[in-house]
PDB file of N, CA and C in Angstrom:
ATOM      1  N   MET A   1      12.292  12.804  -1.430  1.00  0.00           N
ATOM      2  CA  MET A   1      13.475  13.047  -1.485  1.00  0.00           C
ATOM      3  C   MET A   1      14.252  11.484  -2.060  1.00  0.00           C
ATOM      4  N   TYR A   2      14.839  11.909  -3.027  1.00  0.00           N
ATOM      5  CA  TYR A   2      15.503  10.663  -4.285  1.00  0.00           C
ATOM      6  C   TYR A   2      16.826  10.937  -3.751  1.00  0.00           C
ATOM      7  N   ASP A   3      17.479   9.767  -4.329  1.00  0.00           N
ATOM      8  CA  ASP A   3      19.043   9.678  -4.259  1.00  0.00           C
ATOM      9  C   ASP A   3      19.388   9.828  -5.730  1.00  0.00           C
ATOM     10  N   ALA A   4      20.743   9.803  -5.647  1.00  0.00           N
ATOM     11  CA  ALA A   4      21.500  10.455  -7.291  1.00  0.00           C
ATOM     12  C   ALA A   4      20.677   9.367  -8.212  1.00  0.00           C
ATOM     13  N   THR A   5      20.275   8.118  -8.155  1.00  0.00           N
ATOM     14  CA  THR A   5      19.904   7.161  -8.892  1.00  0.00           C
ATOM     15  C   THR A   5      18.560   7.396  -9.260  1.00  0.00           C
ATOM     16  N   GLY A   6      18.023   8.035  -8.462  1.00  0.00           N
ATOM     17  CA  GLY A   6      16.173   8.576  -8.760  1.00  0.00           C
ATOM     18  C   GLY A   6      15.591   7.473  -7.799  1.00  0.00           C
ATOM     19  N   THR A   7      15.824   6.934  -7.020  1.00  0.00           N
ATOM     20  CA  THR A   7      14.993   5.983  -6.085  1.00  0.00           C
ATOM     21  C   THR A   7      14.855   6.619  -5.233  1.00  0.00           C
ATOM     22  N   LYS A   8      13.204   6.623  -4.789  1.00  0.00           N
ATOM     23  CA  LYS A   8      12.681   7.611  -3.620  1.00  0.00           C
ATOM     24  C   LYS A   8      13.177   6.761  -2.138  1.00  0.00           C
ATOM     25  N   LEU A   9      13.548   8.074  -1.468  1.00  0.00           N
ATOM     26  CA  LEU A   9      13.731   7.832  -0.242  1.00  0.00           C
ATOM     27  C   LEU A   9      12.782   7.821   0.670  1.00  0.00           C
ATOM     28  N   ARG A  10      12.084   9.034   0.547  1.00  0.00           N
ATOM     29  CA  ARG A  10      11.287   9.452   1.328  1.00  0.00           C
ATOM     30  C   ARG A  10      10.427  10.599   1.055  1.00  0.00           C
ATOM     31  N   LYS A  11       9.256  10.330   1.564  1.00  0.00           N
ATOM     32  CA  LYS A  11       7.813  11.308   1.321  1.00  0.00           C
ATOM     33  C   LYS A  11       7.212  12.009   2.414  1.00  0.00           C
ATOM     34  N   THR A  12       7.285  13.326   2.552  1.00  0.00           N
ATOM     35  CA  THR A  12       7.087  13.877   3.366  1.00  0.00           C
ATOM     36  C   THR A  12       5.728  14.914   2.875  1.00  0.00           C
ATOM     37  N   THR A  13       4.224  14.306   3.838  1.00  0.00           N
ATOM     38  CA  THR A  13       3.141  14.949   3.183  1.00  0.00           C
ATOM     39  C   THR A  13       2.716  16.241   4.825  1.00  0.00           C
ATOM     40  N   LYS A  14       2.420  17.259   4.152  1.00  0.00           N
ATOM     41  CA  LYS A  14       2.215  18.487   5.000  1.00  0.00           C
ATOM     42  C   LYS A  14       0.487  19.147   4.374  1.00  0.00           C
ATOM     43  N   VAL A  15       0.094  19.510   5.245  1.00  0.00           N
ATOM     44  CA  VAL A  15      -0.861  20.579   5.246  1.00  0.00           C
ATOM     45  C   VAL A  15      -0.644  21.854   5.818  1.00  0.00           C
ATOM     46  N   GLY A  16      -0.401  23.169   5.062  1.00  0.00           N
ATOM     47  CA  GLY A  16       0.083  24.243   5.438  1.00  0.00           C
ATOM     48  C   GLY A  16       1.713  23.734   5.947  1.00  0.00           C
ATOM     49  N   ALA A  17       1.982  24.410   7.142  1.00  0.00           N
ATOM     50  CA  ALA A  17       3.113  24.236   7.545  1.00  0.00           C
ATOM     51  C   ALA A  17       3.220  22.818   8.506  1.00  0.00           C
ATOM     52  N   THR A  18       2.040  22.305   8.539  1.00  0.00           N
ATOM     53  CA  THR A  18       2.191  21.198   9.647  1.00  0.00           C
ATOM     54  C   THR A  18       2.258  19.749   8.983  1.00  0.00           C
ATOM     55  N   VAL A  19       2.982  18.965   9.404  1.00  0.00           N
ATOM     56  CA  VAL A  19       3.759  17.590   8.948  1.00  0.00           C
ATOM     57  C   VAL A  19       2.831  16.455   9.311  1.00  0.00           C
ATOM     58  N   GLN A  20       1.624  16.538   8.137  1.00  0.00           N
ATOM     59  CA  GLN A  20       0.758  15.027   8.374  1.00  0.00           C
ATOM     60  C   GLN A  20       1.555  13.932   8.820  1.00  0.00           C
ATOM     61  N   TYR A  21       1.984  13.526   7.644  1.00  0.00           N
ATOM     62  CA  TYR A  21       3.114  12.293   8.132  1.00  0.00           C
ATOM     63  C   TYR A  21       4.311  11.952   6.870  1.00  0.00           C
ATOM     64  N   VAL A  22       5.230  11.325   7.639  1.00  0.00           N
ATOM     65  CA  VAL A  22       6.469  11.060   6.529  1.00  0.00           C
ATOM     66  C   VAL A  22       6.692   9.647   6.247  1.00  0.00           C
ATOM     67  N   GLN A  23       6.641   9.333   5.224  1.00  0.00           N
ATOM     68  CA  GLN A  23       7.255   7.949   4.841  1.00  0.00           C
ATOM     69  C   GLN A  23       8.697   7.477   4.296  1.00  0.00           C
ATOM     70  N   ASP A  24       8.950   6.763   4.968  1.00  0.00           N
ATOM     71  CA  ASP A  24      10.635   6.373   4.431  1.00  0.00           C
ATOM     72  C   ASP A  24      10.631   5.260   3.553  1.00  0.00           C
ATOM     73  N   TYR A  25      11.649   4.902   2.610  1.00  0.00           N
ATOM     74  CA  TYR A  25      11.239   3.917   2.038  1.00  0.00           C
ATOM     75  C   TYR A  25      12.834   3.081   1.781  1.00  0.00           C
ATOM     76  N   LEU A  26      12.711   1.898   2.392  1.00  0.00           N
ATOM     77  CA  LEU A  26      14.487   1.323   1.853  1.00  0.00           C
ATOM     78  C   LEU A  26      14.395   0.192   0.840  1.00  0.00           C
ATOM     79  N   PRO A  27      15.357   0.478  -0.118  1.00  0.00           N
ATOM     80  CA  PRO A  27      15.581  -0.133  -1.215  1.00  0.00           C
ATOM     81  C   PRO A  27      15.330  -2.066  -1.016  1.00  0.00           C
ATOM     82  N   ASN A  28      15.079  -2.665  -0.122  1.00  0.00           N
ATOM     83  CA  ASN A  28      14.474  -3.853  -0.084  1.00  0.00           C
ATOM     84  C   ASN A  28      13.377  -4.057   0.009  1.00  0.00           C
ATOM     85  N   GLY A  29      12.051  -3.247   0.009  1.00  0.00           N
ATOM     86  CA  GLY A  29      10.617  -3.425  -0.160  1.00  0.00           C
ATOM     87  C   GLY A  29      10.347  -2.679   1.089  1.00  0.00           C
ATOM     88  N   ILE A  30      10.834  -2.141   2.339  1.00  0.00           N
ATOM     89  CA  ILE A  30      10.371  -2.145   3.408  1.00  0.00           C
ATOM     90  C   ILE A  30      10.068  -0.598   3.635  1.00  0.00           C
ATOM     91  N   GLU A  31       8.489  -0.349   4.010  1.00  0.00           N
ATOM     92  CA  GLU A  31       8.130   1.223   4.396  1.00  0.00           C
ATOM     93  C   GLU A  31       7.988   1.624   5.522  1.00  0.00           C
ATOM     94  N   TYR A  32       8.774   2.400   6.261  1.00  0.00           N
ATOM     95  CA  TYR A  32       8.279   3.087   7.388  1.00  0.00           C
ATOM     96  C   TYR A  32       7.365   4.517   7.408  1.00  0.00           C
ATOM     97  N   ARG A  33       6.754   4.677   8.450  1.00  0.00           N
ATOM     98  CA  ARG A  33       5.605   5.740   8.460  1.00  0.00           C
ATOM     99  C   ARG A  33       5.676   6.438   9.764  1.00  0.00           C
ATOM    100  N   GLN A  34       5.705   7.492   9.781  1.00  0.00           N
ATOM    101  CA  GLN A  34       5.498   8.622  11.304  1.00  0.00           C
ATOM    102  C   GLN A  34       4.733   9.293  11.029  1.00  0.00           C
ATOM    103  N   THR A  35       3.661   9.470  11.865  1.00  0.00           N
ATOM    104  CA  THR A  35       2.822  10.389  11.911  1.00  0.00           C
ATOM    105  C   THR A  35       2.883  11.561  12.554  1.00  0.00           C
ATOM    106  N   GLY A  36       2.606  12.648  12.100  1.00  0.00           N
ATOM    107  CA  GLY A  36       2.977  13.868  12.782  1.00  0.00           C
ATOM    108  C   GLY A  36       4.373  13.588  13.619  1.00  0.00           C
ATOM    109  N   THR A  37       4.558  13.931  14.971  1.00  0.00           N
ATOM    110  CA  THR A  37       5.516  13.746  15.866  1.00  0.00           C
ATOM    111  C   THR A  37       5.803  12.405  16.655  1.00  0.00           C
ATOM    112  N   GLY A  38       4.849  11.565  16.308  1.00  0.00           N
ATOM    113  CA  GLY A  38       4.702  10.313  16.759  1.00  0.00           C
ATOM    114  C   GLY A  38       5.738   9.073  16.466  1.00  0.00           C
ATOM    115  N   VAL A  39       5.945   8.058  16.987  1.00  0.00           N
ATOM    116  CA  VAL A  39       7.111   7.374  16.524  1.00  0.00           C
ATOM    117  C   VAL A  39       6.932   6.702  15.185  1.00  0.00           C
ATOM    118  N   LYS A  40       8.290   6.409  14.634  1.00  0.00           N
ATOM    119  CA  LYS A  40       8.384   5.880  13.138  1.00  0.00           C
ATOM    120  C   LYS A  40       8.247   4.531  13.336  1.00  0.00           C
ATOM    121  N   ARG A  41       7.236   3.667  12.770  1.00  0.00           N
ATOM    122  CA  ARG A  41       6.717   2.150  12.836  1.00  0.00           C
ATOM    123  C   ARG A  41       7.013   1.870  11.111  1.00  0.00           C
ATOM    124  N   VAL A  42       6.993   0.496  11.184  1.00  0.00           N
ATOM    125  CA  VAL A  42       6.935  -0.576   9.695  1.00  0.00           C
ATOM    126  C   VAL A  42       5.337  -0.055   9.324  1.00  0.00           C
ATOM    127  N   GLU A  43       5.345   0.013   8.406  1.00  0.00           N
ATOM    128  CA  GLU A  43       3.834   0.247   7.432  1.00  0.00           C
ATOM    129  C   GLU A  43       3.699  -0.963   6.720  1.00  0.00           C
ATOM    130  N   SER A  44       4.653  -1.049   5.718  1.00  0.00           N
ATOM    131  CA  SER A  44       4.509  -2.371   4.805  1.00  0.00           C
ATOM    132  C   SER A  44       5.585  -3.034   4.685  1.00  0.00           C
ATOM    133  N   VAL A  45       5.210  -4.256   4.267  1.00  0.00           N
ATOM    134  CA  VAL A  45       6.347  -5.319   3.432  1.00  0.00           C
ATOM    135  C   VAL A  45       6.412  -5.826   2.190  1.00  0.00           C
ATOM    136  N   TYR A  46       6.941  -5.243   1.182  1.00  0.00           N
ATOM    137  CA  TYR A  46       6.541  -5.860   0.096  1.00  0.00           C
ATOM    138  C   TYR A  46       7.499  -7.119  -0.363  1.00  0.00           C
ATOM    139  N   HIS A  47       6.662  -8.156  -0.975  1.00  0.00           N
ATOM    140  CA  HIS A  47       7.166  -9.296  -1.544  1.00  0.00           C
ATOM    141  C   HIS A  47       6.722  -9.714  -3.118  1.00  0.00           C
ATOM    142  N   ALA A  48       7.094 -10.713  -3.805  1.00  0.00           N
ATOM    143  CA  ALA A  48       6.765 -11.203  -5.013  1.00  0.00           C
ATOM    144  C   ALA A  48       5.180 -11.088  -5.302  1.00  0.00           C
ATOM    145  N   GLU A  49       4.559 -11.434  -4.146  1.00  0.00           N
ATOM    146  CA  GLU A  49       2.732 -11.452  -4.754  1.00  0.00           C
ATOM    147  C   GLU A  49       2.294 -10.799  -4.121  1.00  0.00           C
ATOM    148  N   GLY A  50       2.677  -9.521  -3.288  1.00  0.00           N
ATOM    149  CA  GLY A  50       1.841  -8.507  -3.064  1.00  0.00           C
ATOM    150  C   GLY A  50       2.746  -7.716  -1.547  1.00  0.00           C
ATOM    151  N   ARG A  51       2.154  -7.814  -0.490  1.00  0.00           N
ATOM    152  CA  ARG A  51       2.643  -7.177   0.517  1.00  0.00           C
ATOM    153  C   ARG A  51       2.004  -7.500   1.840  1.00  0.00           C
ATOM    154  N   TYR A  52       2.776  -7.021   2.729  1.00  0.00           N
ATOM    155  CA  TYR A  52       1.889  -7.407   4.336  1.00  0.00           C
ATOM    156  C   TYR A  52       1.805  -5.777   4.611  1.00  0.00           C
ATOM    157  N   TYR A  53       0.876  -5.184   5.070  1.00  0.00           N
ATOM    158  CA  TYR A  53       0.545  -4.006   5.438  1.00  0.00           C
ATOM    159  C   TYR A  53      -0.197  -4.265   7.258  1.00  0.00           C
ATOM    160  N   ASN A  54       0.922  -3.074   7.659  1.00  0.00           N
ATOM    161  CA  ASN A  54       0.100  -2.905   9.319  1.00  0.00           C
ATOM    162  C   ASN A  54      -0.630  -2.278   9.438  1.00  0.00           C
ATOM    163  N   THR A  55      -1.981  -2.687   9.470  1.00  0.00           N
ATOM    164  CA  THR A  55      -3.258  -2.095   9.805  1.00  0.00           C
ATOM    165  C   THR A  55      -2.938  -1.341  11.147  1.00  0.00           C
ATOM    166  N   ASN A  56      -1.984  -1.330  11.988  1.00  0.00           N
ATOM    167  CA  ASN A  56      -2.081  -0.580  13.092  1.00  0.00           C
ATOM    168  C   ASN A  56      -1.093   0.636  13.278  1.00  0.00           C
ATOM    169  N   VAL A  57      -0.643   0.924  12.207  1.00  0.00           N
ATOM    170  CA  VAL A  57       0.412   1.943  11.661  1.00  0.00           C
ATOM    171  C   VAL A  57       0.263   3.061  12.825  1.00  0.00           C
ATOM    172  N   ASP A  58      -0.881   3.538  12.830  1.00  0.00           N
ATOM    173  CA  ASP A  58      -1.015   4.935  13.348  1.00  0.00           C
ATOM    174  C   ASP A  58      -1.572   4.820  14.812  1.00  0.00           C
ATOM    175  N   ALA A  59      -1.934   3.650  15.230  1.00  0.00           N
ATOM    176  CA  ALA A  59      -2.976   3.270  16.545  1.00  0.00           C
ATOM    177  C   ALA A  59      -2.015   2.883  17.510  1.00  0.00           C
ATOM    178  N   ALA A  60      -1.304   2.059  17.368  1.00  0.00           N
ATOM    179  CA  ALA A  60      -0.421   1.297  18.533  1.00  0.00           C
ATOM    180  C   ALA A  60       0.780   0.892  18.416  1.00  0.00           C
ATOM    181  N   ASP A  61       1.712   0.452  19.301  1.00  0.00           N
ATOM    182  CA  ASP A  61       2.898  -0.418  19.064  1.00  0.00           C
ATOM    183  C   ASP A  61       2.929  -1.796  18.702  1.00  0.00           C
ATOM    184  N   ALA A  62       1.655  -2.258  18.780  1.00  0.00           N
ATOM    185  CA  ALA A  62       1.683  -3.538  18.379  1.00  0.00           C
ATOM    186  C   ALA A  62       1.422  -3.504  16.630  1.00  0.00           C
ATOM    187  N   ILE A  63       2.025  -4.692  16.042  1.00  0.00           N
ATOM    188  CA  ILE A  63       1.893  -4.731  14.507  1.00  0.00           C
ATOM    189  C   ILE A  63       0.633  -5.612  14.527  1.00  0.00           C
ATOM    190  N   VAL A  64       0.004  -5.052  13.577  1.00  0.00           N
ATOM    191  CA  VAL A  64      -1.152  -6.097  12.941  1.00  0.00           C
ATOM    192  C   VAL A  64      -1.147  -6.411  11.406  1.00  0.00           C
ATOM    193  N   TRP A  65      -0.501  -7.501  10.998  1.00  0.00           N
ATOM    194  CA  TRP A  65      -0.472  -7.486   9.802  1.00  0.00           C
ATOM    195  C   TRP A  65      -1.589  -7.823   8.455  1.00  0.00           C
ATOM    196  N   ARG A  66      -1.704  -7.328   7.346  1.00  0.00           N
ATOM    197  CA  ARG A  66      -2.928  -7.634   6.716  1.00  0.00           C
ATOM    198  C   ARG A  66      -2.136  -8.279   5.176  1.00  0.00           C
ATOM    199  N   LYS A  67      -2.527  -9.503   5.075  1.00  0.00           N
ATOM    200  CA  LYS A  67      -1.694 -10.018   3.923  1.00  0.00           C
ATOM    201  C   LYS A  67      -2.424  -9.387   2.582  1.00  0.00           C
ATOM    202  N   GLU A  68      -1.679  -8.858   1.681  1.00  0.00           N
ATOM    203  CA  GLU A  68      -2.506  -8.388   0.714  1.00  0.00           C
ATOM    204  C   GLU A  68      -1.778  -8.841  -0.491  1.00  0.00           C
ATOM    205  N   TYR A  69      -2.349  -9.345  -1.811  1.00  0.00           N
ATOM    206  CA  TYR A  69      -2.234  -9.700  -3.115  1.00  0.00           C
ATOM    207  C   TYR A  69      -2.691  -9.541  -4.124  1.00  0.00           C
ATOM    208  N   SER A  70      -1.302  -9.271  -5.313  1.00  0.00           N
ATOM    209  CA  SER A  70      -1.658  -8.511  -6.357  1.00  0.00           C
ATOM    210  C   SER A  70      -1.232  -9.492  -7.379  1.00  0.00           C
ATOM    211  N   PHE A  71      -2.316  -9.806  -8.410  1.00  0.00           N
ATOM    212  CA  PHE A  71      -2.371 -10.015  -9.820  1.00  0.00           C
ATOM    213  C   PHE A  71      -1.741  -9.163 -10.543  1.00  0.00           C
ATOM    214  N   ARG A  72      -0.589  -9.343 -11.509  1.00  0.00           N
ATOM    215  CA  ARG A  72      -0.031  -8.375 -12.471  1.00  0.00           C
ATOM    216  C   ARG A  72      -0.042  -9.077 -14.150  1.00  0.00           C
ATOM    217  N   ASP A  73      -0.393  -8.110 -14.880  1.00  0.00           N
ATOM    218  CA  ASP A  73      -0.017  -8.414 -15.770  1.00  0.00           C
ATOM    219  C   ASP A  73       1.077  -8.673 -16.739  1.00  0.00           C
ATOM    220  N   TYR A  74       1.479  -9.118 -17.950  1.00  0.00           N
ATOM    221  CA  TYR A  74       2.898  -9.342 -18.208  1.00  0.00           C
ATOM    222  C   TYR A  74       3.525  -8.248 -18.660  1.00  0.00           C
ATOM    223  N   LEU A  75       3.218  -6.839 -18.444  1.00  0.00           N
ATOM    224  CA  LEU A  75       4.176  -5.772 -18.336  1.00  0.00           C
ATOM    225  C   LEU A  75       4.217  -5.450 -17.024  1.00  0.00           C
ATOM    226  N   GLY A  76       3.599  -6.211 -15.791  1.00  0.00           N
ATOM    227  CA  GLY A  76       4.034  -5.990 -14.693  1.00  0.00           C
ATOM    228  C   GLY A  76       3.252  -4.908 -13.880  1.00  0.00           C
ATOM    229  N   ASN A  77       1.807  -4.331 -14.431  1.00  0.00           N
ATOM    230  CA  ASN A  77       1.078  -3.827 -14.237  1.00  0.00           C
ATOM    231  C   ASN A  77      -0.108  -4.335 -13.091  1.00  0.00           C
ATOM    232  N   THR A  78      -0.434  -3.928 -11.817  1.00  0.00           N
ATOM    233  CA  THR A  78      -1.380  -4.465 -10.943  1.00  0.00           C
ATOM    234  C   THR A  78      -2.886  -4.355 -11.631  1.00  0.00           C
ATOM    235  N   ARG A  79      -3.280  -5.499 -11.752  1.00  0.00           N
ATOM    236  CA  ARG A  79      -4.766  -5.684 -12.243  1.00  0.00           C
ATOM    237  C   ARG A  79      -5.858  -5.606 -11.243  1.00  0.00           C
ATOM    238  N   LEU A  80      -5.380  -6.634 -10.355  1.00  0.00           N
ATOM    239  CA  LEU A  80      -5.855  -6.663  -9.286  1.00  0.00           C
ATOM    240  C   LEU A  80      -5.289  -6.917  -8.073  1.00  0.00           C
ATOM    241  N   ALA A  81      -5.693  -6.028  -6.818  1.00  0.00           N
ATOM    242  CA  ALA A  81      -4.951  -6.190  -5.443  1.00  0.00           C
ATOM    243  C   ALA A  81      -6.386  -6.544  -4.313  1.00  0.00           C
ATOM    244  N   PHE A  82      -5.969  -7.733  -3.735  1.00  0.00           N
ATOM    245  CA  PHE A  82      -7.234  -8.065  -2.892  1.00  0.00           C
ATOM    246  C   PHE A  82      -6.523  -9.088  -1.550  1.00  0.00           C
ATOM    247  N   THR A  83      -7.234  -9.001  -0.291  1.00  0.00           N
ATOM    248  CA  THR A  83      -6.928  -9.496   0.935  1.00  0.00           C
ATOM    249  C   THR A  83      -7.947 -10.298   1.332  1.00  0.00           C
ATOM    250  N   ASP A  84      -7.781 -10.711   2.558  1.00  0.00           N
ATOM    251  CA  ASP A  84      -8.931 -11.315   3.466  1.00  0.00           C
ATOM    252  C   ASP A  84      -9.330 -10.821   4.334  1.00  0.00           C
ATOM    253  N   ARG A  85      -9.881  -9.781   4.416  1.00  0.00           N
ATOM    254  CA  ARG A  85     -10.129  -8.956   5.691  1.00  0.00           C
ATOM    255  C   ARG A  85     -10.923 -10.104   7.081  1.00  0.00           C
ATOM    256  N   ASN A  86     -11.626 -10.657   6.671  1.00  0.00           N
ATOM    257  CA  ASN A  86     -12.228 -11.615   7.588  1.00  0.00           C
ATOM    258  C   ASN A  86     -12.081 -12.744   7.994  1.00  0.00           C
ATOM    259  N   ALA A  87     -10.661 -12.970   7.224  1.00  0.00           N
ATOM    260  CA  ALA A  87      -9.802 -14.276   7.413  1.00  0.00           C
ATOM    261  C   ALA A  87     -11.065 -15.723   7.287  1.00  0.00           C
ATOM    262  N   ASN A  88     -11.847 -15.313   6.343  1.00  0.00           N
ATOM    263  CA  ASN A  88     -12.879 -16.959   6.349  1.00  0.00           C
ATOM    264  C   ASN A  88     -12.425 -17.589   4.973  1.00  0.00           C
ATOM    265  N   GLY A  89     -11.595 -17.298   4.140  1.00  0.00           N
ATOM    266  CA  GLY A  89     -10.401 -17.895   3.067  1.00  0.00           C
ATOM    267  C   GLY A  89     -11.190 -17.659   1.672  1.00  0.00           C
ATOM    268  N   ILE A  90     -12.257 -16.871   1.994  1.00  0.00           N
ATOM    269  CA  ILE A  90     -12.998 -16.759   0.443  1.00  0.00           C
ATOM    270  C   ILE A  90     -12.903 -15.045   0.714  1.00  0.00           C
ATOM    271  N   VAL A  91     -12.498 -14.349  -1.177  1.00  0.00           N
ATOM    272  CA  VAL A  91     -12.412 -13.161  -1.304  1.00  0.00           C
ATOM    273  C   VAL A  91     -14.202 -12.517  -1.894  1.00  0.00           C
ATOM    274  N   ASP A  92     -14.330 -12.020  -0.543  1.00  0.00           N
ATOM    275  CA  ASP A  92     -15.664 -11.292  -0.658  1.00  0.00           C
ATOM    276  C   ASP A  92     -15.762 -10.310  -1.431  1.00  0.00           C
ATOM    277  N   ILE A  93     -16.979  -9.932  -2.516  1.00  0.00           N
ATOM    278  CA  ILE A  93     -17.331  -8.806  -2.860  1.00  0.00           C
ATOM    279  C   ILE A  93     -18.448  -8.248  -2.384  1.00  0.00           C
ATOM    280  N   THR A  94     -18.170  -7.235  -1.464  1.00  0.00           N
ATOM    281  CA  THR A  94     -19.365  -6.668  -1.086  1.00  0.00           C
ATOM    282  C   THR A  94     -19.914  -5.404  -1.257  1.00  0.00           C
ATOM    283  N   GLY A  95     -19.134  -4.576  -2.426  1.00  0.00           N
ATOM    284  CA  GLY A  95     -19.778  -3.625  -2.837  1.00  0.00           C
ATOM    285  C   GLY A  95     -19.328  -2.413  -2.025  1.00  0.00           C
ATOM    286  N   THR A  96     -18.814  -2.231  -0.824  1.00  0.00           N
ATOM    287  CA  THR A  96     -18.415  -1.337   0.207  1.00  0.00           C
ATOM    288  C   THR A  96     -16.948  -1.691   0.280  1.00  0.00           C
ATOM    289  N   ALA A  97     -16.519  -0.256   0.130  1.00  0.00           N
ATOM    290  CA  ALA A  97     -14.614  -0.328   0.065  1.00  0.00           C
ATOM    291  C   ALA A  97     -14.291  -0.553   1.424  1.00  0.00           C
ATOM    292  N   SER A  98     -15.058  -0.279   2.487  1.00  0.00           N
ATOM    293  CA  SER A  98     -14.315  -0.819   3.989  1.00  0.00           C
ATOM    294  C   SER A  98     -14.697  -2.195   4.435  1.00  0.00           C
ATOM    295  N   THR A  99     -15.486  -3.379   3.982  1.00  0.00           N
ATOM    296  CA  THR A  99     -15.617  -4.764   3.599  1.00  0.00           C
ATOM    297  C   THR A  99     -15.253  -5.281   3.090  1.00  0.00           C
ATOM    298  N   SER A 100     -15.214  -4.957   1.639  1.00  0.00           N
ATOM    299  CA  SER A 100     -14.712  -5.564   0.136  1.00  0.00           C
ATOM    300  C   SER A 100     -13.344  -5.957   0.894  1.00  0.00           C
ATOM    301  N   ASP A 101     -13.173  -7.262  -0.190  1.00  0.00           N
ATOM    302  CA  ASP A 101     -11.771  -7.560  -0.067  1.00  0.00           C
ATOM    303  C   ASP A 101     -10.791  -7.289  -0.807  1.00  0.00           C
ATOM    304  N   VAL A 102     -11.730  -6.922  -2.539  1.00  0.00           N
ATOM    305  CA  VAL A 102     -11.071  -6.445  -3.202  1.00  0.00           C
ATOM    306  C   VAL A 102     -10.317  -4.862  -3.071  1.00  0.00           C
ATOM    307  N   LEU A 103      -9.226  -4.664  -3.007  1.00  0.00           N
ATOM    308  CA  LEU A 103      -8.563  -3.570  -2.766  1.00  0.00           C
ATOM    309  C   LEU A 103      -8.621  -2.429  -4.150  1.00  0.00           C
ATOM    310  N   GLN A 104      -8.381  -3.068  -5.058  1.00  0.00           N
ATOM    311  CA  GLN A 104      -7.857  -2.403  -6.280  1.00  0.00           C
ATOM    312  C   GLN A 104      -8.209  -3.375  -7.348  1.00  0.00           C
ATOM    313  N   GLU A 105      -8.974  -2.558  -8.541  1.00  0.00           N
ATOM    314  CA  GLU A 105      -9.012  -3.057  -9.910  1.00  0.00           C
ATOM    315  C   GLU A 105      -8.992  -2.045 -11.155  1.00  0.00           C
ATOM    316  N   ASN A 106      -7.717  -2.993 -11.840  1.00  0.00           N
ATOM    317  CA  ASN A 106      -7.400  -1.885 -13.073  1.00  0.00           C
ATOM    318  C   ASN A 106      -7.761  -2.339 -14.095  1.00  0.00           C
ATOM    319  N   HIS A 107      -8.245  -1.851 -15.400  1.00  0.00           N
ATOM    320  CA  HIS A 107      -8.173  -2.248 -16.636  1.00  0.00           C
ATOM    321  C   HIS A 107      -7.884  -1.252 -17.857  1.00  0.00           C
ATOM    322  N   TYR A 108      -7.127  -1.773 -18.590  1.00  0.00           N
ATOM    323  CA  TYR A 108      -6.159  -0.883 -19.310  1.00  0.00           C
ATOM    324  C   TYR A 108      -6.889  -1.106 -21.074  1.00  0.00           C
ATOM    325  N   TYR A 109      -7.003   0.104 -21.681  1.00  0.00           N
ATOM    326  CA  TYR A 109      -7.044  -0.012 -23.337  1.00  0.00           C
ATOM    327  C   TYR A 109      -5.650  -0.634 -23.774  1.00  0.00           C
ATOM    328  N   ALA A 110      -5.772  -1.369 -25.069  1.00  0.00           N
ATOM    329  CA  ALA A 110      -5.065  -1.799 -25.578  1.00  0.00           C
ATOM    330  C   ALA A 110      -3.527  -1.161 -25.906  1.00  0.00           C
ATOM    331  N   PHE A 111      -3.772  -0.075 -25.985  1.00  0.00           N
ATOM    332  CA  PHE A 111      -2.636   1.045 -25.890  1.00  0.00           C
ATOM    333  C   PHE A 111      -2.118   1.250 -24.612  1.00  0.00           C
ATOM    334  N   GLY A 112      -2.657   1.326 -23.435  1.00  0.00           N
ATOM    335  CA  GLY A 112      -2.032   1.217 -22.165  1.00  0.00           C
ATOM    336  C   GLY A 112      -2.621   1.907 -21.388  1.00  0.00           C
ATOM    337  N   LEU A 113      -3.715   3.037 -21.999  1.00  0.00           N
ATOM    338  CA  LEU A 113      -4.503   3.602 -20.963  1.00  0.00           C
ATOM    339  C   LEU A 113      -5.374   3.112 -20.646  1.00  0.00           C
ATOM    340  N   ALA A 114      -5.245   3.749 -18.924  1.00  0.00           N
ATOM    341  CA  ALA A 114      -6.038   3.098 -18.181  1.00  0.00           C
ATOM    342  C   ALA A 114      -7.456   3.635 -18.246  1.00  0.00           C
ATOM    343  N   PHE A 115      -8.602   2.596 -17.714  1.00  0.00           N
ATOM    344  CA  PHE A 115     -10.047   3.123 -18.061  1.00  0.00           C
ATOM    345  C   PHE A 115     -10.494   3.836 -17.030  1.00  0.00           C
ATOM    346  N   GLU A 116     -11.181   4.600 -17.246  1.00  0.00           N
ATOM    347  CA  GLU A 116     -11.597   5.607 -16.556  1.00  0.00           C
ATOM    348  C   GLU A 116     -12.969   5.071 -15.561  1.00  0.00           C
ATOM    349  N   GLU A 117     -12.916   5.223 -14.210  1.00  0.00           N
ATOM    350  CA  GLU A 117     -14.011   4.489 -13.749  1.00  0.00           C
ATOM    351  C   GLU A 117     -15.384   5.180 -13.236  1.00  0.00           C
TER     352      GLU A 117
END
């Protein structure tokens, strides 16, 4: 769902007729998520360097924040997104998606097309 200016307000994801989750977007960079018929909870809060992500959004009422940071190029494209999953102060690159601190890495051709992985 979008407002009259084209700002995204809500996304509903369904499988068949069953609602999997609903995401609500506020203009100040806060996202809420409601899974199924559960309670609506804060999923993420965006800031200039990245976002705070609630890793506990589907599991419990307690909020568990993970700080995620983004490096952007001069056009505003995210080139690298990372976190510190084990809080050791080092960005660990393990090669496994569940343990690596690098969340996303993007490369672009000179004319703007993203490299295929």
